[in-house]
Amino acid sequence: MTGIFLISKLTIVLLIILIVLAGVAVLLYFLGKKAQKREEEQKEQIDAMKQTVSMLIIDKKRMKIKESGLPQAVIDQTPKLMRFTKLPIVKAKVGPQVLSLVCDDKIFDNVPVKKEVKATVSGIYITSVKGLHGSSDQNKNVKKQSRFKQFVEKLQEKAGAKPVK
């Protein structure tokens, strides 16, 4: 008799856990939809305010918003939790002014330093960048090897010491 009673307690506990998990899943679903709507509205506002500007990129770093050099009004408007996260900040010369701008995280790695670019800017937010003058940094990263190093690599590949490319 006690064995049956224990099984029913176990099933009750499992049912309660299942109901709680289902409730959490439903809650996360609705919160996700709400966040997605907010993101779409922000994207529309950014697209409505965008301008194409020619600028010289001086420096780019990931830094906390308090250290970024952004206007105090922007720092005051950010949520408390965002003040401690690092943002992609780009220092650029736009006309005669040197400005600190927030860059989109997706394009931050593609922003060339010490190059003149045409950037799509919405307020203090850079959404896209296209190079104007000179070659891109991606071509500079490809380094030629000396003949000796090429010869050593071929020997290593033949010997099986290094995986074939």
C-alpha atoms as a PDB file:
ATOM      1  CA  MET A   1       0.000   0.000   0.000  1.00  0.00           C
ATOM      2  CA  THR A   2       2.824   2.444   0.756  1.00  0.00           C
ATOM      3  CA  GLY A   3       4.444   1.653  -2.626  1.00  0.00           C
ATOM      4  CA  ILE A   4       1.345   2.858  -4.475  1.00  0.00           C
ATOM      5  CA  PHE A   5       1.183   5.982  -2.322  1.00  0.00           C
ATOM      6  CA  LEU A   6       4.854   6.828  -3.102  1.00  0.00           C
ATOM      7  CA  ILE A   7       4.275   6.444  -6.822  1.00  0.00           C
ATOM      8  CA  SER A   8       1.318   8.805  -6.703  1.00  0.00           C
ATOM      9  CA  LYS A   9       3.399  11.372  -4.769  1.00  0.00           C
ATOM     10  CA  LEU A  10       6.118  11.069  -7.383  1.00  0.00           C
ATOM     11  CA  THR A  11       3.656  11.566 -10.230  1.00  0.00           C
ATOM     12  CA  ILE A  12       2.136  14.581  -8.479  1.00  0.00           C
ATOM     13  CA  VAL A  13       5.564  16.170  -8.046  1.00  0.00           C
ATOM     14  CA  LEU A  14       6.442  15.469 -11.684  1.00  0.00           C
ATOM     15  CA  LEU A  15       3.127  16.930 -12.866  1.00  0.00           C
ATOM     16  CA  ILE A  16       3.725  20.097 -10.825  1.00  0.00           C
ATOM     17  CA  ILE A  17       7.222  20.435 -12.264  1.00  0.00           C
ATOM     18  CA  LEU A  18       5.833  19.896 -15.777  1.00  0.00           C
ATOM     19  CA  ILE A  19       3.156  22.567 -15.255  1.00  0.00           C
ATOM     20  CA  VAL A  20       5.742  25.057 -13.948  1.00  0.00           C
ATOM     21  CA  LEU A  21       8.036  24.387 -16.911  1.00  0.00           C
ATOM     22  CA  ALA A  22       5.148  24.856 -19.346  1.00  0.00           C
ATOM     23  CA  GLY A  23       4.275  28.156 -17.646  1.00  0.00           C
ATOM     24  CA  VAL A  24       7.870  29.357 -17.935  1.00  0.00           C
ATOM     25  CA  ALA A  25       7.958  28.375 -21.625  1.00  0.00           C
ATOM     26  CA  VAL A  26       4.750  30.324 -22.337  1.00  0.00           C
ATOM     27  CA  LEU A  27       6.105  33.338 -20.433  1.00  0.00           C
ATOM     28  CA  LEU A  28       9.376  33.276 -22.400  1.00  0.00           C
ATOM     29  CA  TYR A  29       7.451  32.994 -25.669  1.00  0.00           C
ATOM     30  CA  PHE A  30       5.413  36.137 -24.988  1.00  0.00           C
ATOM     31  CA  LEU A  31       8.424  38.079 -23.688  1.00  0.00           C
ATOM     32  CA  GLY A  32      10.337  37.115 -26.843  1.00  0.00           C
ATOM     33  CA  LYS A  33       7.524  38.343 -29.085  1.00  0.00           C
ATOM     34  CA  LYS A  34       7.369  41.631 -27.178  1.00  0.00           C
ATOM     35  CA  ALA A  35      11.142  42.119 -27.469  1.00  0.00           C
ATOM     36  CA  GLN A  36      11.003  41.327 -31.190  1.00  0.00           C
ATOM     37  CA  LYS A  37       8.295  43.986 -31.732  1.00  0.00           C
ATOM     38  CA  ARG A  38      10.391  46.544 -29.841  1.00  0.00           C
ATOM     39  CA  GLU A  39      13.444  45.695 -31.943  1.00  0.00           C
ATOM     40  CA  GLU A  40      11.472  46.112 -35.185  1.00  0.00           C
ATOM     41  CA  GLU A  41      10.189  49.526 -34.047  1.00  0.00           C
ATOM     42  CA  GLN A  42      13.718  50.653 -33.183  1.00  0.00           C
ATOM     43  CA  LYS A  43      14.981  49.424 -36.557  1.00  0.00           C
ATOM     44  CA  GLU A  44      12.280  51.448 -38.327  1.00  0.00           C
ATOM     45  CA  GLN A  45      13.274  54.578 -36.376  1.00  0.00           C
ATOM     46  CA  ILE A  46      16.944  54.052 -37.202  1.00  0.00           C
ATOM     47  CA  ASP A  47      16.151  53.577 -40.899  1.00  0.00           C
ATOM     48  CA  ALA A  48      14.017  56.737 -40.928  1.00  0.00           C
ATOM     49  CA  MET A  49      16.812  58.881 -39.434  1.00  0.00           C
ATOM     50  CA  LYS A  50      19.825  57.480 -41.312  1.00  0.00           C
ATOM     51  CA  GLN A  51      22.246  59.713 -43.219  1.00  0.00           C
ATOM     52  CA  THR A  52      25.325  58.957 -45.280  1.00  0.00           C
ATOM     53  CA  VAL A  53      28.386  60.781 -43.962  1.00  0.00           C
ATOM     54  CA  SER A  54      32.031  60.816 -44.995  1.00  0.00           C
ATOM     55  CA  MET A  55      34.333  60.391 -41.988  1.00  0.00           C
ATOM     56  CA  LEU A  56      37.879  59.523 -41.007  1.00  0.00           C
ATOM     57  CA  ILE A  57      38.008  56.680 -38.485  1.00  0.00           C
ATOM     58  CA  ILE A  58      40.584  57.530 -35.830  1.00  0.00           C
ATOM     59  CA  ASP A  59      40.164  54.675 -33.354  1.00  0.00           C
ATOM     60  CA  LYS A  60      37.800  51.873 -32.406  1.00  0.00           C
ATOM     61  CA  LYS A  61      37.488  50.046 -29.078  1.00  0.00           C
ATOM     62  CA  ARG A  62      35.073  48.153 -26.916  1.00  0.00           C
ATOM     63  CA  MET A  63      34.614  50.180 -23.762  1.00  0.00           C
ATOM     64  CA  LYS A  64      32.158  50.909 -20.983  1.00  0.00           C
ATOM     65  CA  ILE A  65      29.707  53.675 -21.741  1.00  0.00           C
ATOM     66  CA  LYS A  66      31.036  55.902 -18.926  1.00  0.00           C
ATOM     67  CA  GLU A  67      34.559  55.773 -20.390  1.00  0.00           C
ATOM     68  CA  SER A  68      33.432  56.163 -24.009  1.00  0.00           C
ATOM     69  CA  GLY A  69      33.324  59.940 -24.294  1.00  0.00           C
ATOM     70  CA  LEU A  70      29.684  59.976 -25.332  1.00  0.00           C
ATOM     71  CA  PRO A  71      27.556  62.985 -24.271  1.00  0.00           C
ATOM     72  CA  GLN A  72      26.330  62.936 -20.662  1.00  0.00           C
ATOM     73  CA  ALA A  73      22.680  62.999 -21.837  1.00  0.00           C
ATOM     74  CA  VAL A  74      23.236  59.680 -23.645  1.00  0.00           C
ATOM     75  CA  ILE A  75      24.892  58.140 -20.580  1.00  0.00           C
ATOM     76  CA  ASP A  76      22.011  59.268 -18.353  1.00  0.00           C
ATOM     77  CA  GLN A  77      19.396  57.764 -20.690  1.00  0.00           C
ATOM     78  CA  THR A  78      20.950  54.298 -20.821  1.00  0.00           C
ATOM     79  CA  PRO A  79      19.463  51.639 -18.539  1.00  0.00           C
ATOM     80  CA  LYS A  80      21.405  50.866 -15.340  1.00  0.00           C
ATOM     81  CA  LEU A  81      22.361  47.352 -16.499  1.00  0.00           C
ATOM     82  CA  MET A  82      23.750  48.622 -19.814  1.00  0.00           C
ATOM     83  CA  ARG A  83      26.155  51.026 -18.090  1.00  0.00           C
ATOM     84  CA  PHE A  84      28.490  48.204 -17.111  1.00  0.00           C
ATOM     85  CA  THR A  85      28.554  46.386 -20.463  1.00  0.00           C
ATOM     86  CA  LYS A  86      31.161  47.191 -23.095  1.00  0.00           C
ATOM     87  CA  LEU A  87      29.952  48.838 -26.285  1.00  0.00           C
ATOM     88  CA  PRO A  88      31.714  49.064 -29.662  1.00  0.00           C
ATOM     89  CA  ILE A  89      32.824  52.719 -29.734  1.00  0.00           C
ATOM     90  CA  VAL A  90      34.340  54.402 -32.806  1.00  0.00           C
ATOM     91  CA  LYS A  91      36.180  57.714 -32.609  1.00  0.00           C
ATOM     92  CA  ALA A  92      35.836  59.496 -35.938  1.00  0.00           C
ATOM     93  CA  LYS A  93      36.506  62.877 -37.460  1.00  0.00           C
ATOM     94  CA  VAL A  94      33.347  64.093 -39.182  1.00  0.00           C
ATOM     95  CA  GLY A  95      34.109  67.382 -40.883  1.00  0.00           C
ATOM     96  CA  PRO A  96      36.001  69.537 -38.360  1.00  0.00           C
ATOM     97  CA  GLN A  97      34.642  67.666 -35.315  1.00  0.00           C
ATOM     98  CA  VAL A  98      36.008  64.591 -33.564  1.00  0.00           C
ATOM     99  CA  LEU A  99      33.070  62.496 -32.327  1.00  0.00           C
ATOM    100  CA  SER A 100      32.602  59.317 -30.354  1.00  0.00           C
ATOM    101  CA  LEU A 101      29.989  57.138 -32.037  1.00  0.00           C
ATOM    102  CA  VAL A 102      28.415  53.801 -31.136  1.00  0.00           C
ATOM    103  CA  CYS A 103      28.916  51.192 -33.841  1.00  0.00           C
ATOM    104  CA  ASP A 104      26.650  48.293 -34.755  1.00  0.00           C
ATOM    105  CA  ASP A 105      28.101  45.116 -33.267  1.00  0.00           C
ATOM    106  CA  LYS A 106      27.728  43.252 -36.585  1.00  0.00           C
ATOM    107  CA  ILE A 107      29.982  45.625 -38.538  1.00  0.00           C
ATOM    108  CA  PHE A 108      32.443  46.611 -35.792  1.00  0.00           C
ATOM    109  CA  ASP A 109      35.128  44.176 -36.965  1.00  0.00           C
ATOM    110  CA  ASN A 110      34.853  45.437 -40.568  1.00  0.00           C
ATOM    111  CA  VAL A 111      35.414  49.110 -39.678  1.00  0.00           C
ATOM    112  CA  PRO A 112      38.896  50.094 -40.919  1.00  0.00           C
ATOM    113  CA  VAL A 113      41.049  52.208 -38.590  1.00  0.00           C
ATOM    114  CA  LYS A 114      42.788  55.360 -39.888  1.00  0.00           C
ATOM    115  CA  LYS A 115      40.853  55.235 -43.162  1.00  0.00           C
ATOM    116  CA  GLU A 116      38.324  57.555 -44.735  1.00  0.00           C
ATOM    117  CA  VAL A 117      34.947  55.846 -45.117  1.00  0.00           C
ATOM    118  CA  LYS A 118      31.383  56.574 -46.072  1.00  0.00           C
ATOM    119  CA  ALA A 119      29.222  55.540 -43.149  1.00  0.00           C
ATOM    120  CA  THR A 120      25.480  55.362 -42.687  1.00  0.00           C
ATOM    121  CA  VAL A 121      24.792  57.105 -39.378  1.00  0.00           C
ATOM    122  CA  SER A 122      21.588  57.455 -37.402  1.00  0.00           C
ATOM    123  CA  GLY A 123      22.184  59.947 -34.594  1.00  0.00           C
ATOM    124  CA  ILE A 124      25.282  58.609 -32.822  1.00  0.00           C
ATOM    125  CA  TYR A 125      24.821  55.058 -34.145  1.00  0.00           C
ATOM    126  CA  ILE A 126      26.831  53.759 -37.118  1.00  0.00           C
ATOM    127  CA  THR A 127      24.818  51.161 -39.054  1.00  0.00           C
ATOM    128  CA  SER A 128      27.034  50.481 -42.096  1.00  0.00           C
ATOM    129  CA  VAL A 129      30.475  51.397 -43.454  1.00  0.00           C
ATOM    130  CA  LYS A 130      31.949  51.474 -46.966  1.00  0.00           C
ATOM    131  CA  GLY A 131      35.588  52.278 -47.684  1.00  0.00           C
ATOM    132  CA  LEU A 132      36.507  55.244 -49.878  1.00  0.00           C
ATOM    133  CA  HIS A 133      40.260  55.389 -50.421  1.00  0.00           C
ATOM    134  CA  GLY A 134      43.084  52.881 -50.259  1.00  0.00           C
ATOM    135  CA  SER A 135      43.014  49.123 -49.971  1.00  0.00           C
ATOM    136  CA  SER A 136      41.161  47.303 -47.245  1.00  0.00           C
ATOM    137  CA  ASP A 137      42.847  45.875 -44.145  1.00  0.00           C
ATOM    138  CA  GLN A 138      41.799  42.370 -45.185  1.00  0.00           C
ATOM    139  CA  ASN A 139      44.335  42.392 -48.027  1.00  0.00           C
ATOM    140  CA  LYS A 140      47.101  43.538 -45.681  1.00  0.00           C
ATOM    141  CA  ASN A 141      46.555  40.574 -43.353  1.00  0.00           C
ATOM    142  CA  VAL A 142      47.672  38.147 -46.067  1.00  0.00           C
ATOM    143  CA  LYS A 143      51.398  37.882 -45.493  1.00  0.00           C
ATOM    144  CA  LYS A 144      53.804  36.462 -48.040  1.00  0.00           C
ATOM    145  CA  GLN A 145      56.045  33.692 -46.815  1.00  0.00           C
ATOM    146  CA  SER A 146      59.710  33.415 -47.616  1.00  0.00           C
ATOM    147  CA  ARG A 147      60.806  30.657 -49.969  1.00  0.00           C
ATOM    148  CA  PHE A 148      62.464  28.820 -47.091  1.00  0.00           C
ATOM    149  CA  LYS A 149      59.216  28.722 -45.073  1.00  0.00           C
ATOM    150  CA  GLN A 150      57.285  27.556 -48.142  1.00  0.00           C
ATOM    151  CA  PHE A 151      59.852  24.788 -48.682  1.00  0.00           C
ATOM    152  CA  VAL A 152      59.622  23.718 -44.999  1.00  0.00           C
ATOM    153  CA  GLU A 153      55.813  23.632 -45.199  1.00  0.00           C
ATOM    154  CA  LYS A 154      55.923  21.421 -48.317  1.00  0.00           C
ATOM    155  CA  LEU A 155      58.300  19.011 -46.599  1.00  0.00           C
ATOM    156  CA  GLN A 156      56.077  18.890 -43.508  1.00  0.00           C
ATOM    157  CA  GLU A 157      52.997  18.201 -45.614  1.00  0.00           C
ATOM    158  CA  LYS A 158      54.767  15.370 -47.463  1.00  0.00           C
ATOM    159  CA  ALA A 159      56.003  13.905 -44.195  1.00  0.00           C
ATOM    160  CA  GLY A 160      52.520  14.084 -42.713  1.00  0.00           C
ATOM    161  CA  ALA A 161      53.605  16.331 -39.841  1.00  0.00           C
ATOM    162  CA  LYS A 162      51.165  19.044 -40.828  1.00  0.00           C
ATOM    163  CA  PRO A 163      47.600  18.667 -42.165  1.00  0.00           C
ATOM    164  CA  VAL A 164      47.195  19.329 -45.878  1.00  0.00           C
ATOM    165  CA  LYS A 165      45.382  22.602 -46.599  1.00  0.00           C
END
